[in-house]
N, C-alpha and C. Protein backbone atom coordinates (compact mmCIF):
# COMPACT_ATOMS: atom_id res chain seq x y z
N MET A 1 -40.82 -155.70 30.03
CA MET A 1 -41.09 -153.97 30.63
C MET A 1 -41.68 -153.20 29.21
N ALA A 2 -42.66 -152.68 29.29
CA ALA A 2 -43.16 -151.94 28.52
C ALA A 2 -42.60 -150.33 28.64
N THR A 3 -42.50 -149.88 27.35
CA THR A 3 -42.13 -148.57 27.40
C THR A 3 -43.33 -147.62 26.52
N ALA A 4 -43.26 -146.26 27.09
CA ALA A 4 -44.34 -145.51 26.59
C ALA A 4 -43.55 -145.03 25.42
N LEU A 5 -44.66 -145.16 24.61
CA LEU A 5 -44.82 -144.69 23.03
C LEU A 5 -44.51 -143.10 22.86
N THR A 6 -43.68 -142.79 21.88
CA THR A 6 -43.67 -141.26 21.57
C THR A 6 -44.62 -140.95 20.76
N ARG A 7 -45.19 -139.63 20.75
CA ARG A 7 -46.01 -138.83 19.72
C ARG A 7 -45.69 -139.65 18.30
N GLU A 8 -44.88 -139.44 17.89
CA GLU A 8 -44.18 -139.57 16.66
C GLU A 8 -44.30 -141.25 16.38
N GLN A 9 -43.93 -142.15 17.49
CA GLN A 9 -44.32 -143.70 17.08
C GLN A 9 -45.73 -143.60 17.18
N LYS A 10 -46.49 -142.84 17.89
CA LYS A 10 -47.98 -143.33 17.69
C LYS A 10 -48.65 -142.91 16.25
N LEU A 11 -48.01 -141.88 15.83
CA LEU A 11 -48.30 -141.22 14.59
C LEU A 11 -47.96 -142.28 13.84
N LEU A 12 -46.67 -143.00 13.57
CA LEU A 12 -46.19 -143.96 12.74
C LEU A 12 -47.21 -145.23 12.84
N ALA A 13 -47.71 -145.44 13.83
CA ALA A 13 -48.81 -146.82 14.14
C ALA A 13 -49.93 -146.20 13.79
N GLU A 14 -50.25 -145.33 13.38
CA GLU A 14 -51.92 -144.55 13.02
C GLU A 14 -51.47 -144.94 11.44
N ILE A 15 -50.19 -144.57 10.98
CA ILE A 15 -50.07 -144.53 9.61
C ILE A 15 -50.06 -146.12 8.79
N VAL A 16 -49.24 -146.92 9.83
CA VAL A 16 -49.48 -148.18 9.21
C VAL A 16 -50.49 -148.86 9.31
N VAL A 17 -51.36 -148.46 10.37
CA VAL A 17 -53.12 -149.02 10.52
C VAL A 17 -53.60 -148.42 9.29
N GLN A 18 -53.81 -147.44 8.71
CA GLN A 18 -54.14 -146.79 7.76
C GLN A 18 -53.70 -147.35 6.78
N LEU A 19 -52.39 -147.88 6.29
CA LEU A 19 -52.10 -148.39 4.98
C LEU A 19 -52.34 -149.89 5.12
N GLY A 20 -52.85 -150.64 6.55
CA GLY A 20 -53.64 -151.87 6.43
C GLY A 20 -54.69 -151.80 6.10
N ASN A 21 -55.46 -150.50 5.94
CA ASN A 21 -56.97 -150.39 5.85
C ASN A 21 -57.01 -150.49 4.27
N ILE A 22 -55.84 -149.53 3.69
CA ILE A 22 -56.30 -149.66 2.11
C ILE A 22 -56.00 -150.69 1.49
N THR A 23 -54.70 -151.98 2.23
CA THR A 23 -54.93 -152.93 1.64
C THR A 23 -55.63 -153.74 1.61
N GLU A 24 -56.71 -153.67 2.85
CA GLU A 24 -57.75 -154.48 3.00
C GLU A 24 -58.77 -154.03 1.63
N ALA A 25 -58.78 -152.69 1.63
CA ALA A 25 -59.97 -151.85 0.68
C ALA A 25 -59.32 -152.60 -0.63
N VAL A 26 -58.23 -152.66 -1.14
CA VAL A 26 -57.74 -153.21 -2.47
C VAL A 26 -58.15 -154.31 -2.66
N GLN A 27 -57.72 -155.41 -1.78
CA GLN A 27 -58.35 -156.81 -1.62
C GLN A 27 -59.61 -157.18 -1.75
N ALA A 28 -60.56 -156.35 -1.22
CA ALA A 28 -61.95 -156.33 -1.14
C ALA A 28 -62.41 -155.78 -2.75
N ALA A 29 -61.70 -155.11 -3.25
CA ALA A 29 -61.83 -154.83 -4.86
C ALA A 29 -61.77 -155.98 -5.60
N ALA A 30 -60.79 -156.77 -5.09
CA ALA A 30 -60.33 -157.61 -6.12
C ALA A 30 -61.31 -158.81 -6.09
N GLY A 31 -62.26 -158.48 -4.74
CA GLY A 31 -63.21 -159.62 -4.70
C GLY A 31 -64.24 -159.56 -5.38
N GLY A 32 -64.69 -158.02 -5.98
CA GLY A 32 -65.91 -157.80 -6.64
C GLY A 32 -66.81 -156.97 -5.84
N GLU A 33 -65.88 -156.16 -4.54
CA GLU A 33 -66.81 -155.16 -4.51
C GLU A 33 -67.27 -153.91 -5.03
N ASN A 34 -68.50 -153.03 -4.53
CA ASN A 34 -68.40 -151.93 -5.51
C ASN A 34 -67.07 -150.86 -5.68
N SER A 35 -66.52 -150.71 -6.91
CA SER A 35 -65.50 -149.83 -7.08
C SER A 35 -65.70 -148.58 -6.93
N SER A 36 -67.00 -147.66 -6.98
CA SER A 36 -67.05 -146.32 -6.24
C SER A 36 -67.04 -146.27 -4.73
N ASP A 37 -67.35 -147.24 -4.07
CA ASP A 37 -67.18 -147.36 -2.62
C ASP A 37 -65.89 -147.53 -2.15
N LEU A 38 -65.49 -148.03 -2.75
CA LEU A 38 -63.85 -148.55 -2.65
C LEU A 38 -63.03 -147.46 -3.18
N SER A 39 -63.33 -146.71 -3.80
CA SER A 39 -62.51 -145.34 -4.34
C SER A 39 -62.70 -144.56 -3.18
N GLN A 40 -64.13 -144.06 -2.80
CA GLN A 40 -64.64 -143.33 -1.82
C GLN A 40 -63.56 -143.69 -0.40
N GLN A 41 -63.79 -145.15 -0.07
CA GLN A 41 -62.84 -145.22 1.04
C GLN A 41 -61.16 -144.91 1.12
N ILE A 42 -60.61 -145.36 -0.19
CA ILE A 42 -59.39 -145.00 -0.62
C ILE A 42 -59.04 -143.31 -0.35
N GLN A 43 -59.81 -142.80 -0.98
CA GLN A 43 -59.41 -141.25 -1.02
C GLN A 43 -59.67 -140.70 0.46
N ALA A 44 -60.74 -141.33 1.55
CA ALA A 44 -60.92 -140.90 2.83
C ALA A 44 -59.58 -141.36 3.56
N LEU A 45 -59.02 -142.28 3.01
CA LEU A 45 -58.09 -142.80 3.88
C LEU A 45 -56.36 -142.13 3.47
N GLN A 46 -56.58 -141.58 2.29
CA GLN A 46 -55.34 -141.12 1.91
C GLN A 46 -55.52 -139.56 2.29
N THR A 47 -56.59 -138.96 2.89
CA THR A 47 -56.80 -137.68 3.39
C THR A 47 -56.57 -137.62 4.48
N GLN A 48 -57.03 -138.78 5.54
CA GLN A 48 -56.33 -139.27 6.82
C GLN A 48 -54.91 -139.37 6.87
N LEU A 49 -54.36 -140.16 6.15
CA LEU A 49 -52.86 -140.06 5.80
C LEU A 49 -51.90 -138.76 5.64
N ALA A 50 -52.88 -138.16 4.58
CA ALA A 50 -51.91 -136.57 4.50
C ALA A 50 -52.31 -135.82 5.74
N SER A 51 -53.21 -135.93 6.51
CA SER A 51 -53.57 -134.95 7.69
C SER A 51 -52.56 -135.69 9.09
N VAL A 52 -52.54 -136.79 8.76
CA VAL A 52 -51.41 -137.49 9.90
C VAL A 52 -50.14 -137.16 9.44
N SER A 53 -49.69 -136.95 8.60
CA SER A 53 -48.38 -136.62 8.09
C SER A 53 -48.01 -135.22 8.67
N SER A 54 -49.31 -134.31 7.85
CA SER A 54 -49.10 -132.80 8.44
C SER A 54 -49.24 -132.84 9.88
N ALA A 55 -49.96 -133.40 10.97
CA ALA A 55 -49.73 -133.13 12.18
C ALA A 55 -48.22 -133.51 12.61
N ARG A 56 -47.84 -134.88 12.43
CA ARG A 56 -46.17 -135.31 12.62
C ARG A 56 -45.27 -134.12 12.25
N ALA A 57 -45.45 -133.37 11.11
CA ALA A 57 -44.48 -132.47 10.70
C ALA A 57 -44.61 -131.27 11.83
N ALA A 58 -45.53 -130.78 12.11
CA ALA A 58 -46.13 -129.86 12.84
C ALA A 58 -45.77 -130.16 14.64
N LEU A 59 -45.93 -131.48 14.66
CA LEU A 59 -44.98 -131.90 16.27
C LEU A 59 -43.82 -132.07 16.16
N GLN A 60 -43.27 -132.40 14.81
CA GLN A 60 -41.79 -132.19 14.69
C GLN A 60 -40.95 -130.77 14.98
N THR A 61 -41.83 -129.97 14.72
CA THR A 61 -41.51 -128.37 14.59
C THR A 61 -41.40 -127.85 15.92
N GLN A 62 -42.84 -128.45 16.63
CA GLN A 62 -43.05 -128.02 18.32
C GLN A 62 -41.70 -128.41 18.92
N LEU A 63 -41.61 -129.80 19.18
CA LEU A 63 -40.46 -130.33 19.50
C LEU A 63 -39.28 -129.71 19.35
N ALA A 64 -39.00 -129.21 18.22
CA ALA A 64 -37.43 -128.71 17.90
C ALA A 64 -37.56 -126.98 18.71
N GLU A 65 -38.70 -126.69 18.62
CA GLU A 65 -38.63 -125.34 19.10
C GLU A 65 -38.79 -125.44 20.72
N ALA A 66 -39.44 -126.53 21.08
CA ALA A 66 -39.48 -126.40 22.83
C ALA A 66 -37.77 -126.98 23.47
N GLN A 67 -37.53 -128.17 22.46
CA GLN A 67 -35.82 -128.19 22.74
C GLN A 67 -34.76 -126.76 22.83
N THR A 68 -35.40 -125.82 21.67
CA THR A 68 -34.47 -124.89 21.58
C THR A 68 -34.50 -123.85 23.02
N LEU A 69 -35.91 -124.04 23.34
CA LEU A 69 -36.21 -122.96 24.57
C LEU A 69 -35.73 -123.50 25.85
N ASN A 70 -35.66 -124.73 25.83
CA ASN A 70 -35.16 -125.64 27.16
C ASN A 70 -33.39 -125.55 27.34
N ALA A 71 -33.00 -125.42 25.97
CA ALA A 71 -31.51 -125.20 26.21
C ALA A 71 -31.48 -123.83 27.00
N GLU A 72 -32.06 -122.82 26.23
CA GLU A 72 -31.84 -121.36 26.61
C GLU A 72 -32.44 -121.42 27.65
N LEU A 73 -33.27 -121.92 28.83
CA LEU A 73 -33.57 -121.93 29.92
C LEU A 73 -32.54 -122.74 30.62
N GLN A 74 -32.04 -123.41 30.51
CA GLN A 74 -30.95 -124.02 31.14
C GLN A 74 -29.81 -123.39 31.36
N THR A 75 -29.42 -122.55 30.21
CA THR A 75 -28.38 -121.41 30.16
C THR A 75 -28.54 -120.41 30.75
N GLN A 76 -29.79 -119.90 31.12
CA GLN A 76 -30.15 -119.08 32.06
C GLN A 76 -30.12 -119.13 33.46
N LEU A 77 -30.46 -120.75 33.66
CA LEU A 77 -30.67 -121.16 34.98
C LEU A 77 -29.16 -121.11 35.60
N ALA A 78 -28.15 -121.60 34.91
CA ALA A 78 -26.61 -122.09 35.19
C ALA A 78 -26.10 -120.44 35.43
N SER A 79 -26.57 -119.53 34.50
CA SER A 79 -25.84 -118.55 34.98
C SER A 79 -26.27 -117.49 36.16
N VAL A 80 -27.57 -118.01 36.27
CA VAL A 80 -28.13 -117.26 37.62
C VAL A 80 -27.40 -117.96 38.93
N HIS A 81 -27.52 -119.65 38.63
CA HIS A 81 -26.59 -119.85 39.81
C HIS A 81 -24.99 -120.22 39.93
N GLU A 82 -24.84 -119.49 38.81
CA GLU A 82 -23.25 -119.09 38.79
C GLU A 82 -22.36 -118.62 39.86
N GLY A 83 -21.58 -118.98 40.66
CA GLY A 83 -21.17 -118.34 41.76
C GLY A 83 -22.02 -118.24 42.67
N ASP A 84 -23.01 -118.91 42.78
CA ASP A 84 -23.93 -118.85 44.22
C ASP A 84 -23.46 -119.72 44.94
N ILE A 85 -23.11 -119.28 46.19
CA ILE A 85 -22.75 -120.42 47.41
C ILE A 85 -23.58 -120.20 48.38
N THR A 86 -24.04 -121.60 48.60
CA THR A 86 -25.15 -121.28 49.81
C THR A 86 -24.50 -122.38 50.77
N PRO A 87 -24.04 -121.63 51.96
CA PRO A 87 -23.97 -122.43 53.00
C PRO A 87 -24.55 -123.89 53.74
N ASP A 88 -23.83 -124.58 53.95
CA ASP A 88 -24.53 -125.72 54.69
C ASP A 88 -24.75 -125.91 56.20
N ASN A 89 -24.07 -124.84 56.43
CA ASN A 89 -24.10 -125.30 58.34
C ASN A 89 -23.74 -123.85 58.96
N ILE A 90 -23.99 -123.63 60.08
CA ILE A 90 -23.53 -122.45 60.58
C ILE A 90 -22.00 -121.96 60.77
N SER A 91 -21.29 -123.04 60.56
CA SER A 91 -20.18 -122.47 60.68
C SER A 91 -19.58 -122.04 59.30
N GLU A 92 -20.14 -122.25 58.39
CA GLU A 92 -19.79 -121.77 56.74
C GLU A 92 -20.82 -120.19 56.56
N VAL A 93 -21.89 -120.30 57.39
CA VAL A 93 -22.20 -119.17 57.31
C VAL A 93 -21.68 -118.14 57.92
N MET A 94 -21.19 -118.30 59.22
CA MET A 94 -20.09 -117.22 59.84
C MET A 94 -18.96 -117.25 58.87
N ASN A 95 -18.44 -118.42 58.45
CA ASN A 95 -17.20 -117.78 57.54
C ASN A 95 -17.34 -116.75 56.45
N SER A 96 -18.64 -117.48 55.66
CA SER A 96 -18.67 -116.86 54.54
C SER A 96 -19.01 -115.22 54.78
N LEU A 97 -19.41 -114.63 56.05
CA LEU A 97 -19.59 -113.24 56.25
C LEU A 97 -18.44 -112.96 56.98
N GLY A 98 -17.64 -113.55 57.17
CA GLY A 98 -16.28 -112.86 57.81
C GLY A 98 -16.42 -112.92 59.13
N ILE A 99 -17.18 -113.56 60.26
CA ILE A 99 -17.49 -113.29 61.49
C ILE A 99 -16.45 -114.43 62.66
N GLU A 100 -15.81 -113.63 63.02
CA GLU A 100 -15.03 -114.49 64.02
C GLU A 100 -15.94 -115.19 64.97
N PHE A 101 -15.66 -116.41 65.10
CA PHE A 101 -16.06 -117.45 66.25
C PHE A 101 -15.47 -118.40 67.16
N ASP A 102 -15.88 -118.23 67.88
CA ASP A 102 -15.23 -119.79 68.90
C ASP A 102 -16.07 -121.37 68.42
N SER A 103 -15.15 -121.90 67.81
CA SER A 103 -16.04 -123.30 67.49
C SER A 103 -15.56 -124.52 68.72
């Protein structure tokens, strides 16, 4: 049974992929590839990694704000429905209105 990944899990997966790319770049450097190209690739990957980390932090902040708002809304909803009695049938309607009737 597959479960959907959260945004944070997707971001962490992206970081893992980027670290794999960095590892491949270092290994390629050990094999004699042009070091200036390698340095540029590493710099680009580090920039992407910093961007992903910033995005993750922003998402965590947004999630915390959304959770706070959700809690506030649930509290407001509970207070709106507090003491709210909705009759389920005609007999309960009549009783709640204080109307006498023959059943």
